[in-house]
């Protein structure tokens, strides 16, 4: 990849910390995401790419690799009061529910 570029700069930084004229000197032509797996939504990559666009840090026609992702989701309804004791503290902390 670097042999095909006139200039290249690797920035080891969280997406949400990239700022034009600070961490990057000019608009970005290519963004390569190293971890595009189950953490796609949790790590905030989509919102970070949108923020780069909003802040005009991406050049017109910039390429983001990978360019697409497929996300599967399943809703789960947990009914803890079924006669079997279920400890829900971990799930309640995760979901932000107040303790019972």
PDB file of N, CA and C in Angstrom:
ATOM      1  N   UNK A   1       0.822  -1.195   0.000  1.00  0.00           N
ATOM      2  CA  UNK A   1       0.000   0.000   0.000  1.00  0.00           C
ATOM      3  C   UNK A   1       0.864   1.257   0.000  1.00  0.00           C
ATOM      4  N   UNK A   2       1.894   1.266   0.840  1.00  0.00           N
ATOM      5  CA  UNK A   2       2.722   2.466   0.936  1.00  0.00           C
ATOM      6  C   UNK A   2       3.484   2.733  -0.367  1.00  0.00           C
ATOM      7  N   UNK A   3       3.781   1.681  -1.142  1.00  0.00           N
ATOM      8  CA  UNK A   3       4.495   1.886  -2.399  1.00  0.00           C
ATOM      9  C   UNK A   3       3.620   2.561  -3.449  1.00  0.00           C
ATOM     10  N   UNK A   4       2.314   2.525  -3.277  1.00  0.00           N
ATOM     11  CA  UNK A   4       1.395   3.142  -4.231  1.00  0.00           C
ATOM     12  C   UNK A   4       1.036   4.577  -3.866  1.00  0.00           C
ATOM     13  N   UNK A   5       1.512   5.060  -2.763  1.00  0.00           N
ATOM     14  CA  UNK A   5       1.166   6.403  -2.289  1.00  0.00           C
ATOM     15  C   UNK A   5       2.333   7.352  -2.515  1.00  0.00           C
ATOM     16  N   UNK A   6       2.001   8.604  -2.840  1.00  0.00           N
ATOM     17  CA  UNK A   6       3.045   9.630  -2.927  1.00  0.00           C
ATOM     18  C   UNK A   6       3.629   9.884  -1.547  1.00  0.00           C
ATOM     19  N   UNK A   7       2.753  10.076  -0.595  1.00  0.00           N
ATOM     20  CA  UNK A   7       3.167  10.238   0.801  1.00  0.00           C
ATOM     21  C   UNK A   7       2.209   9.439   1.664  1.00  0.00           C
ATOM     22  N   UNK A   8       2.697   8.968   2.764  1.00  0.00           N
ATOM     23  CA  UNK A   8       1.821   8.251   3.688  1.00  0.00           C
ATOM     24  C   UNK A   8       2.244   8.577   5.105  1.00  0.00           C
ATOM     25  N   UNK A   9       1.269   8.530   5.982  1.00  0.00           N
ATOM     26  CA  UNK A   9       1.529   8.781   7.396  1.00  0.00           C
ATOM     27  C   UNK A   9       0.637   7.849   8.190  1.00  0.00           C
ATOM     28  N   UNK A  10       1.236   7.102   9.082  1.00  0.00           N
ATOM     29  CA  UNK A  10       0.481   6.210   9.952  1.00  0.00           C
ATOM     30  C   UNK A  10       0.288   6.924  11.280  1.00  0.00           C
ATOM     31  N   UNK A  11      -0.960   7.041  11.693  1.00  0.00           N
ATOM     32  CA  UNK A  11      -1.284   7.714  12.951  1.00  0.00           C
ATOM     33  C   UNK A  11      -1.856   6.674  13.895  1.00  0.00           C
ATOM     34  N   UNK A  12      -1.169   6.411  14.980  1.00  0.00           N
ATOM     35  CA  UNK A  12      -1.658   5.484  15.993  1.00  0.00           C
ATOM     36  C   UNK A  12      -2.434   6.301  17.016  1.00  0.00           C
ATOM     37  N   UNK A  13      -3.729   6.355  16.813  1.00  0.00           N
ATOM     38  CA  UNK A  13      -4.565   7.227  17.637  1.00  0.00           C
ATOM     39  C   UNK A  13      -5.990   6.705  17.575  1.00  0.00           C
ATOM     40  N   UNK A  14      -6.724   6.914  18.624  1.00  0.00           N
ATOM     41  CA  UNK A  14      -8.144   6.558  18.609  1.00  0.00           C
ATOM     42  C   UNK A  14      -8.863   7.441  17.591  1.00  0.00           C
ATOM     43  N   UNK A  15      -9.854   6.865  16.905  1.00  0.00           N
ATOM     44  CA  UNK A  15     -10.586   7.613  15.889  1.00  0.00           C
ATOM     45  C   UNK A  15     -11.143   8.923  16.431  1.00  0.00           C
ATOM     46  N   UNK A  16     -11.690   8.871  17.636  1.00  0.00           N
ATOM     47  CA  UNK A  16     -12.346  10.064  18.171  1.00  0.00           C
ATOM     48  C   UNK A  16     -11.354  11.132  18.624  1.00  0.00           C
ATOM     49  N   UNK A  17     -10.062  10.845  18.534  1.00  0.00           N
ATOM     50  CA  UNK A  17      -9.039  11.824  18.917  1.00  0.00           C
ATOM     51  C   UNK A  17      -8.388  12.496  17.713  1.00  0.00           C
ATOM     52  N   UNK A  18      -8.698  12.047  16.497  1.00  0.00           N
ATOM     53  CA  UNK A  18      -8.092  12.625  15.304  1.00  0.00           C
ATOM     54  C   UNK A  18      -8.656  14.013  15.035  1.00  0.00           C
ATOM     55  N   UNK A  19      -7.761  14.983  14.850  1.00  0.00           N
ATOM     56  CA  UNK A  19      -8.192  16.344  14.535  1.00  0.00           C
ATOM     57  C   UNK A  19      -7.351  16.866  13.377  1.00  0.00           C
ATOM     58  N   UNK A  20      -8.026  17.510  12.433  1.00  0.00           N
ATOM     59  CA  UNK A  20      -7.343  18.102  11.297  1.00  0.00           C
ATOM     60  C   UNK A  20      -6.412  19.196  11.794  1.00  0.00           C
ATOM     61  N   UNK A  21      -5.202  19.242  11.272  1.00  0.00           N
ATOM     62  CA  UNK A  21      -4.143  20.208  11.614  1.00  0.00           C
ATOM     63  C   UNK A  21      -3.564  19.975  13.008  1.00  0.00           C
ATOM     64  N   UNK A  22      -3.901  18.879  13.657  1.00  0.00           N
ATOM     65  CA  UNK A  22      -3.268  18.513  14.925  1.00  0.00           C
ATOM     66  C   UNK A  22      -2.570  17.165  14.724  1.00  0.00           C
ATOM     67  N   UNK A  23      -3.343  16.079  14.790  1.00  0.00           N
ATOM     68  CA  UNK A  23      -2.769  14.748  14.561  1.00  0.00           C
ATOM     69  C   UNK A  23      -2.538  14.487  13.073  1.00  0.00           C
ATOM     70  N   UNK A  24      -3.360  15.089  12.225  1.00  0.00           N
ATOM     71  CA  UNK A  24      -3.224  14.920  10.776  1.00  0.00           C
ATOM     72  C   UNK A  24      -3.040  16.296  10.140  1.00  0.00           C
ATOM     73  N   UNK A  25      -2.103  16.386   9.207  1.00  0.00           N
ATOM     74  CA  UNK A  25      -1.765  17.676   8.626  1.00  0.00           C
ATOM     75  C   UNK A  25      -2.649  18.106   7.477  1.00  0.00           C
ATOM     76  N   UNK A  26      -3.295  17.164   6.816  1.00  0.00           N
ATOM     77  CA  UNK A  26      -4.163  17.495   5.693  1.00  0.00           C
ATOM     78  C   UNK A  26      -5.315  16.510   5.667  1.00  0.00           C
ATOM     79  N   UNK A  27      -6.254  16.738   4.749  1.00  0.00           N
ATOM     80  CA  UNK A  27      -7.411  15.852   4.677  1.00  0.00           C
ATOM     81  C   UNK A  27      -6.967  14.424   4.352  1.00  0.00           C
ATOM     82  N   UNK A  28      -7.706  13.481   4.894  1.00  0.00           N
ATOM     83  CA  UNK A  28      -7.383  12.059   4.774  1.00  0.00           C
ATOM     84  C   UNK A  28      -7.984  11.501   3.487  1.00  0.00           C
ATOM     85  N   UNK A  29      -7.176  10.760   2.721  1.00  0.00           N
ATOM     86  CA  UNK A  29      -7.650  10.104   1.501  1.00  0.00           C
ATOM     87  C   UNK A  29      -8.062   8.659   1.746  1.00  0.00           C
ATOM     88  N   UNK A  30      -7.447   8.013   2.735  1.00  0.00           N
ATOM     89  CA  UNK A  30      -7.679   6.593   2.979  1.00  0.00           C
ATOM     90  C   UNK A  30      -7.688   6.322   4.475  1.00  0.00           C
ATOM     91  N   UNK A  31      -8.723   5.642   4.937  1.00  0.00           N
ATOM     92  CA  UNK A  31      -8.811   5.207   6.332  1.00  0.00           C
ATOM     93  C   UNK A  31      -8.869   3.686   6.319  1.00  0.00           C
ATOM     94  N   UNK A  32      -7.939   3.041   7.013  1.00  0.00           N
ATOM     95  CA  UNK A  32      -7.919   1.582   7.114  1.00  0.00           C
ATOM     96  C   UNK A  32      -8.188   1.223   8.565  1.00  0.00           C
ATOM     97  N   UNK A  33      -9.282   0.511   8.797  1.00  0.00           N
ATOM     98  CA  UNK A  33      -9.665   0.101  10.151  1.00  0.00           C
ATOM     99  C   UNK A  33      -9.097  -1.288  10.404  1.00  0.00           C
ATOM    100  N   UNK A  34      -8.327  -1.424  11.446  1.00  0.00           N
ATOM    101  CA  UNK A  34      -7.651  -2.694  11.706  1.00  0.00           C
ATOM    102  C   UNK A  34      -8.544  -3.717  12.391  1.00  0.00           C
ATOM    103  N   UNK A  35      -9.563  -3.284  13.112  1.00  0.00           N
ATOM    104  CA  UNK A  35     -10.414  -4.230  13.852  1.00  0.00           C
ATOM    105  C   UNK A  35     -11.866  -3.982  13.490  1.00  0.00           C
ATOM    106  N   UNK A  36     -12.322  -4.639  12.463  1.00  0.00           N
ATOM    107  CA  UNK A  36     -13.714  -4.481  12.031  1.00  0.00           C
ATOM    108  C   UNK A  36     -14.429  -5.802  12.268  1.00  0.00           C
ATOM    109  N   UNK A  37     -14.730  -6.101  13.519  1.00  0.00           N
ATOM    110  CA  UNK A  37     -15.369  -7.360  13.866  1.00  0.00           C
ATOM    111  C   UNK A  37     -16.582  -7.066  14.733  1.00  0.00           C
ATOM    112  N   UNK A  38     -16.817  -7.868  15.743  1.00  0.00           N
ATOM    113  CA  UNK A  38     -17.980  -7.686  16.606  1.00  0.00           C
ATOM    114  C   UNK A  38     -17.931  -6.370  17.381  1.00  0.00           C
ATOM    115  N   UNK A  39     -16.789  -5.684  17.385  1.00  0.00           N
ATOM    116  CA  UNK A  39     -16.670  -4.416  18.109  1.00  0.00           C
ATOM    117  C   UNK A  39     -17.042  -3.216  17.246  1.00  0.00           C
ATOM    118  N   UNK A  40     -17.549  -3.459  16.056  1.00  0.00           N
ATOM    119  CA  UNK A  40     -17.871  -2.387  15.119  1.00  0.00           C
ATOM    120  C   UNK A  40     -18.705  -1.283  15.754  1.00  0.00           C
ATOM    121  N   UNK A  41     -19.801  -1.648  16.389  1.00  0.00           N
ATOM    122  CA  UNK A  41     -20.668  -0.641  16.986  1.00  0.00           C
ATOM    123  C   UNK A  41     -20.173  -0.212  18.352  1.00  0.00           C
ATOM    124  N   UNK A  42     -19.682  -1.146  19.137  1.00  0.00           N
ATOM    125  CA  UNK A  42     -19.249  -0.827  20.493  1.00  0.00           C
ATOM    126  C   UNK A  42     -18.044   0.087  20.551  1.00  0.00           C
ATOM    127  N   UNK A  43     -17.150  -0.022  19.580  1.00  0.00           N
ATOM    128  CA  UNK A  43     -15.961   0.832  19.605  1.00  0.00           C
ATOM    129  C   UNK A  43     -16.208   2.195  18.995  1.00  0.00           C
ATOM    130  N   UNK A  44     -17.364   2.405  18.398  1.00  0.00           N
ATOM    131  CA  UNK A  44     -17.718   3.727  17.891  1.00  0.00           C
ATOM    132  C   UNK A  44     -17.090   4.089  16.562  1.00  0.00           C
ATOM    133  N   UNK A  45     -16.732   3.105  15.757  1.00  0.00           N
ATOM    134  CA  UNK A  45     -16.076   3.402  14.485  1.00  0.00           C
ATOM    135  C   UNK A  45     -17.005   4.167  13.553  1.00  0.00           C
ATOM    136  N   UNK A  46     -18.276   3.778  13.501  1.00  0.00           N
ATOM    137  CA  UNK A  46     -19.211   4.457  12.606  1.00  0.00           C
ATOM    138  C   UNK A  46     -19.364   5.921  12.995  1.00  0.00           C
ATOM    139  N   UNK A  47     -19.571   6.190  14.271  1.00  0.00           N
ATOM    140  CA  UNK A  47     -19.713   7.583  14.700  1.00  0.00           C
ATOM    141  C   UNK A  47     -18.408   8.354  14.509  1.00  0.00           C
ATOM    142  N   UNK A  48     -17.267   7.693  14.658  1.00  0.00           N
ATOM    143  CA  UNK A  48     -15.983   8.368  14.447  1.00  0.00           C
ATOM    144  C   UNK A  48     -15.784   8.743  12.980  1.00  0.00           C
ATOM    145  N   UNK A  49     -16.137   7.836  12.063  1.00  0.00           N
ATOM    146  CA  UNK A  49     -16.038   8.149  10.632  1.00  0.00           C
ATOM    147  C   UNK A  49     -16.973   9.302  10.296  1.00  0.00           C
ATOM    148  N   UNK A  50     -18.185   9.277  10.844  1.00  0.00           N
ATOM    149  CA  UNK A  50     -19.114  10.385  10.615  1.00  0.00           C
ATOM    150  C   UNK A  50     -18.571  11.695  11.174  1.00  0.00           C
ATOM    151  N   UNK A  51     -17.895  11.650  12.314  1.00  0.00           N
ATOM    152  CA  UNK A  51     -17.298  12.858  12.893  1.00  0.00           C
ATOM    153  C   UNK A  51     -16.168  13.379  12.006  1.00  0.00           C
ATOM    154  N   UNK A  52     -15.359  12.472  11.443  1.00  0.00           N
ATOM    155  CA  UNK A  52     -14.309  12.904  10.517  1.00  0.00           C
ATOM    156  C   UNK A  52     -14.911  13.598   9.303  1.00  0.00           C
ATOM    157  N   UNK A  53     -16.028  13.068   8.792  1.00  0.00           N
ATOM    158  CA  UNK A  53     -16.720  13.714   7.669  1.00  0.00           C
ATOM    159  C   UNK A  53     -17.248  15.079   8.081  1.00  0.00           C
ATOM    160  N   UNK A  54     -17.896  15.134   9.231  1.00  0.00           N
ATOM    161  CA  UNK A  54     -18.483  16.388   9.720  1.00  0.00           C
ATOM    162  C   UNK A  54     -17.416  17.464   9.910  1.00  0.00           C
ATOM    163  N   UNK A  55     -16.257  17.068  10.413  1.00  0.00           N
ATOM    164  CA  UNK A  55     -15.168  18.013  10.663  1.00  0.00           C
ATOM    165  C   UNK A  55     -14.335  18.287   9.415  1.00  0.00           C
ATOM    166  N   UNK A  56     -14.770  17.737   8.274  1.00  0.00           N
ATOM    167  CA  UNK A  56     -14.098  17.903   6.985  1.00  0.00           C
ATOM    168  C   UNK A  56     -12.648  17.429   7.020  1.00  0.00           C
ATOM    169  N   UNK A  57     -12.391  16.398   7.825  1.00  0.00           N
ATOM    170  CA  UNK A  57     -11.055  15.810   7.882  1.00  0.00           C
ATOM    171  C   UNK A  57     -10.848  14.789   6.769  1.00  0.00           C
ATOM    172  N   UNK A  58     -11.950  14.293   6.175  1.00  0.00           N
ATOM    173  CA  UNK A  58     -11.850  13.356   5.059  1.00  0.00           C
ATOM    174  C   UNK A  58     -11.892  14.129   3.749  1.00  0.00           C
ATOM    175  N   UNK A  59     -10.987  13.798   2.835  1.00  0.00           N
ATOM    176  CA  UNK A  59     -10.978  14.418   1.512  1.00  0.00           C
ATOM    177  C   UNK A  59     -12.203  13.945   0.734  1.00  0.00           C
ATOM    178  N   UNK A  60     -12.703  14.761  -0.200  1.00  0.00           N
ATOM    179  CA  UNK A  60     -13.813  14.300  -1.043  1.00  0.00           C
ATOM    180  C   UNK A  60     -13.415  13.013  -1.771  1.00  0.00           C
ATOM    181  N   UNK A  61     -14.272  12.024  -1.727  1.00  0.00           N
ATOM    182  CA  UNK A  61     -13.984  10.745  -2.365  1.00  0.00           C
ATOM    183  C   UNK A  61     -13.040   9.853  -1.584  1.00  0.00           C
ATOM    184  N   UNK A  62     -12.829  10.144  -0.307  1.00  0.00           N
ATOM    185  CA  UNK A  62     -11.940   9.323   0.530  1.00  0.00           C
ATOM    186  C   UNK A  62     -12.462   7.892   0.612  1.00  0.00           C
ATOM    187  N   UNK A  63     -11.551   6.946   0.767  1.00  0.00           N
ATOM    188  CA  UNK A  63     -11.896   5.535   0.860  1.00  0.00           C
ATOM    189  C   UNK A  63     -11.745   5.067   2.301  1.00  0.00           C
ATOM    190  N   UNK A  64     -12.755   4.335   2.779  1.00  0.00           N
ATOM    191  CA  UNK A  64     -12.707   3.725   4.108  1.00  0.00           C
ATOM    192  C   UNK A  64     -12.694   2.213   3.907  1.00  0.00           C
ATOM    193  N   UNK A  65     -11.685   1.544   4.444  1.00  0.00           N
ATOM    194  CA  UNK A  65     -11.568   0.088   4.315  1.00  0.00           C
ATOM    195  C   UNK A  65     -11.690  -0.581   5.670  1.00  0.00           C
ATOM    196  N   UNK A  66     -12.454  -1.603   5.800  1.00  0.00           N
ATOM    197  CA  UNK A  66     -13.399  -2.108   4.821  1.00  0.00           C
ATOM    198  C   UNK A  66     -14.545  -1.123   4.614  1.00  0.00           C
ATOM    199  N   UNK A  67     -15.126  -1.173   3.423  1.00  0.00           N
ATOM    200  CA  UNK A  67     -16.141  -0.203   3.028  1.00  0.00           C
ATOM    201  C   UNK A  67     -17.541  -0.578   3.494  1.00  0.00           C
ATOM    202  N   UNK A  68     -17.735  -1.783   3.969  1.00  0.00           N
ATOM    203  CA  UNK A  68     -19.070  -2.210   4.397  1.00  0.00           C
ATOM    204  C   UNK A  68     -18.943  -3.254   5.496  1.00  0.00           C
ATOM    205  N   UNK A  69     -20.023  -3.407   6.220  1.00  0.00           N
ATOM    206  CA  UNK A  69     -20.072  -4.425   7.270  1.00  0.00           C
ATOM    207  C   UNK A  69     -21.512  -4.894   7.418  1.00  0.00           C
ATOM    208  N   UNK A  70     -21.676  -6.096   7.872  1.00  0.00           N
ATOM    209  CA  UNK A  70     -23.003  -6.645   8.136  1.00  0.00           C
ATOM    210  C   UNK A  70     -23.077  -6.936   9.625  1.00  0.00           C
ATOM    211  N   UNK A  71     -24.138  -6.462  10.245  1.00  0.00           N
ATOM    212  CA  UNK A  71     -24.312  -6.632  11.686  1.00  0.00           C
ATOM    213  C   UNK A  71     -25.577  -7.444  11.931  1.00  0.00           C
ATOM    214  N   UNK A  72     -25.464  -8.506  12.710  1.00  0.00           N
ATOM    215  CA  UNK A  72     -26.613  -9.290  13.119  1.00  0.00           C
ATOM    216  C   UNK A  72     -26.929  -8.953  14.568  1.00  0.00           C
ATOM    217  N   UNK A  73     -28.201  -8.890  14.878  1.00  0.00           N
ATOM    218  CA  UNK A  73     -28.605  -8.598  16.255  1.00  0.00           C
ATOM    219  C   UNK A  73     -29.807  -9.464  16.607  1.00  0.00           C
ATOM    220  N   UNK A  74     -29.973  -9.718  17.880  1.00  0.00           N
ATOM    221  CA  UNK A  74     -31.108 -10.499  18.351  1.00  0.00           C
ATOM    222  C   UNK A  74     -31.591  -9.885  19.654  1.00  0.00           C
ATOM    223  N   UNK A  75     -32.867  -9.612  19.706  1.00  0.00           N
ATOM    224  CA  UNK A  75     -33.451  -9.120  20.942  1.00  0.00           C
ATOM    225  C   UNK A  75     -33.644 -10.274  21.916  1.00  0.00           C
ATOM    226  N   UNK A  76     -33.370 -10.033  23.179  1.00  0.00           N
ATOM    227  CA  UNK A  76     -33.499 -11.069  24.200  1.00  0.00           C
ATOM    228  C   UNK A  76     -34.336 -10.516  25.336  1.00  0.00           C
ATOM    229  N   UNK A  77     -35.361 -11.244  25.710  1.00  0.00           N
ATOM    230  CA  UNK A  77     -36.199 -10.874  26.844  1.00  0.00           C
ATOM    231  C   UNK A  77     -35.865 -11.823  27.994  1.00  0.00           C
ATOM    232  N   UNK A  78     -35.390 -11.265  29.093  1.00  0.00           N
ATOM    233  CA  UNK A  78     -35.015 -12.068  30.252  1.00  0.00           C
ATOM    234  C   UNK A  78     -36.107 -11.936  31.297  1.00  0.00           C
ATOM    235  N   UNK A  79     -36.659 -13.057  31.711  1.00  0.00           N
ATOM    236  CA  UNK A  79     -37.694 -13.072  32.735  1.00  0.00           C
ATOM    237  C   UNK A  79     -37.123 -13.767  33.965  1.00  0.00           C
ATOM    238  N   UNK A  80     -36.584 -13.003  34.908  1.00  0.00           N
ATOM    239  CA  UNK A  80     -35.891 -13.621  36.039  1.00  0.00           C
ATOM    240  C   UNK A  80     -36.798 -14.291  37.062  1.00  0.00           C
ATOM    241  N   UNK A  81     -38.078 -13.998  37.085  1.00  0.00           N
ATOM    242  CA  UNK A  81     -38.958 -14.539  38.122  1.00  0.00           C
ATOM    243  C   UNK A  81     -39.708 -15.756  37.589  1.00  0.00           C
ATOM    244  N   UNK A  82     -38.982 -16.853  37.358  1.00  0.00           N
ATOM    245  CA  UNK A  82     -39.586 -18.069  36.816  1.00  0.00           C
ATOM    246  C   UNK A  82     -39.461 -19.227  37.793  1.00  0.00           C
ATOM    247  N   UNK A  83     -39.252 -18.939  39.068  1.00  0.00           N
ATOM    248  CA  UNK A  83     -39.108 -19.984  40.055  1.00  0.00           C
ATOM    249  C   UNK A  83     -37.680 -20.457  40.213  1.00  0.00           C
ATOM    250  N   UNK A  84     -36.816 -20.065  39.306  1.00  0.00           N
ATOM    251  CA  UNK A  84     -35.403 -20.414  39.374  1.00  0.00           C
ATOM    252  C   UNK A  84     -34.642 -19.127  39.679  1.00  0.00           C
ATOM    253  N   UNK A  85     -33.829 -19.127  40.726  1.00  0.00           N
ATOM    254  CA  UNK A  85     -33.116 -17.886  41.041  1.00  0.00           C
ATOM    255  C   UNK A  85     -32.107 -17.518  39.947  1.00  0.00           C
ATOM    256  N   UNK A  86     -32.223 -16.295  39.466  1.00  0.00           N
ATOM    257  CA  UNK A  86     -31.314 -15.776  38.450  1.00  0.00           C
ATOM    258  C   UNK A  86     -30.705 -14.494  38.994  1.00  0.00           C
ATOM    259  N   UNK A  87     -29.393 -14.448  39.055  1.00  0.00           N
ATOM    260  CA  UNK A  87     -28.707 -13.257  39.544  1.00  0.00           C
ATOM    261  C   UNK A  87     -28.563 -12.273  38.381  1.00  0.00           C
ATOM    262  N   UNK A  88     -29.277 -11.153  38.433  1.00  0.00           N
ATOM    263  CA  UNK A  88     -29.336 -10.202  37.328  1.00  0.00           C
ATOM    264  C   UNK A  88     -28.456  -8.972  37.519  1.00  0.00           C
ATOM    265  N   UNK A  89     -27.649  -8.918  38.568  1.00  0.00           N
ATOM    266  CA  UNK A  89     -26.873  -7.710  38.863  1.00  0.00           C
ATOM    267  C   UNK A  89     -25.960  -7.314  37.700  1.00  0.00           C
ATOM    268  N   UNK A  90     -25.298  -8.278  37.071  1.00  0.00           N
ATOM    269  CA  UNK A  90     -24.383  -7.959  35.970  1.00  0.00           C
ATOM    270  C   UNK A  90     -25.142  -7.368  34.788  1.00  0.00           C
ATOM    271  N   UNK A  91     -26.271  -7.961  34.434  1.00  0.00           N
ATOM    272  CA  UNK A  91     -27.070  -7.445  33.323  1.00  0.00           C
ATOM    273  C   UNK A  91     -27.640  -6.073  33.652  1.00  0.00           C
ATOM    274  N   UNK A  92     -28.062  -5.871  34.887  1.00  0.00           N
ATOM    275  CA  UNK A  92     -28.602  -4.572  35.279  1.00  0.00           C
ATOM    276  C   UNK A  92     -27.529  -3.493  35.231  1.00  0.00           C
ATOM    277  N   UNK A  93     -26.306  -3.819  35.618  1.00  0.00           N
ATOM    278  CA  UNK A  93     -25.209  -2.849  35.514  1.00  0.00           C
ATOM    279  C   UNK A  93     -24.935  -2.513  34.056  1.00  0.00           C
ATOM    280  N   UNK A  94     -24.949  -3.524  33.214  1.00  0.00           N
ATOM    281  CA  UNK A  94     -24.690  -3.332  31.799  1.00  0.00           C
ATOM    282  C   UNK A  94     -25.760  -2.459  31.158  1.00  0.00           C
ATOM    283  N   UNK A  95     -27.004  -2.705  31.505  1.00  0.00           N
ATOM    284  CA  UNK A  95     -28.115  -1.979  30.897  1.00  0.00           C
ATOM    285  C   UNK A  95     -28.450  -0.687  31.622  1.00  0.00           C
ATOM    286  N   UNK A  96     -27.819  -0.440  32.751  1.00  0.00           N
ATOM    287  CA  UNK A  96     -28.064   0.794  33.479  1.00  0.00           C
ATOM    288  C   UNK A  96     -29.345   0.795  34.280  1.00  0.00           C
ATOM    289  N   UNK A  97     -29.902  -0.366  34.535  1.00  0.00           N
ATOM    290  CA  UNK A  97     -31.145  -0.451  35.306  1.00  0.00           C
ATOM    291  C   UNK A  97     -30.841  -0.227  36.782  1.00  0.00           C
ATOM    292  N   UNK A  98     -31.738   0.442  37.489  1.00  0.00           N
ATOM    293  CA  UNK A  98     -31.518   0.621  38.926  1.00  0.00           C
ATOM    294  C   UNK A  98     -31.612  -0.713  39.655  1.00  0.00           C
ATOM    295  N   UNK A  99     -30.833  -0.899  40.719  1.00  0.00           N
ATOM    296  CA  UNK A  99     -30.901  -2.162  41.465  1.00  0.00           C
ATOM    297  C   UNK A  99     -32.272  -2.351  42.102  1.00  0.00           C
ATOM    298  N   UNK A 100     -32.711  -3.600  42.175  1.00  0.00           N
ATOM    299  CA  UNK A 100     -34.041  -3.904  42.731  1.00  0.00           C
ATOM    300  C   UNK A 100     -34.025  -3.838  44.236  1.00  0.00           C
TER     301      UNK A 100
END
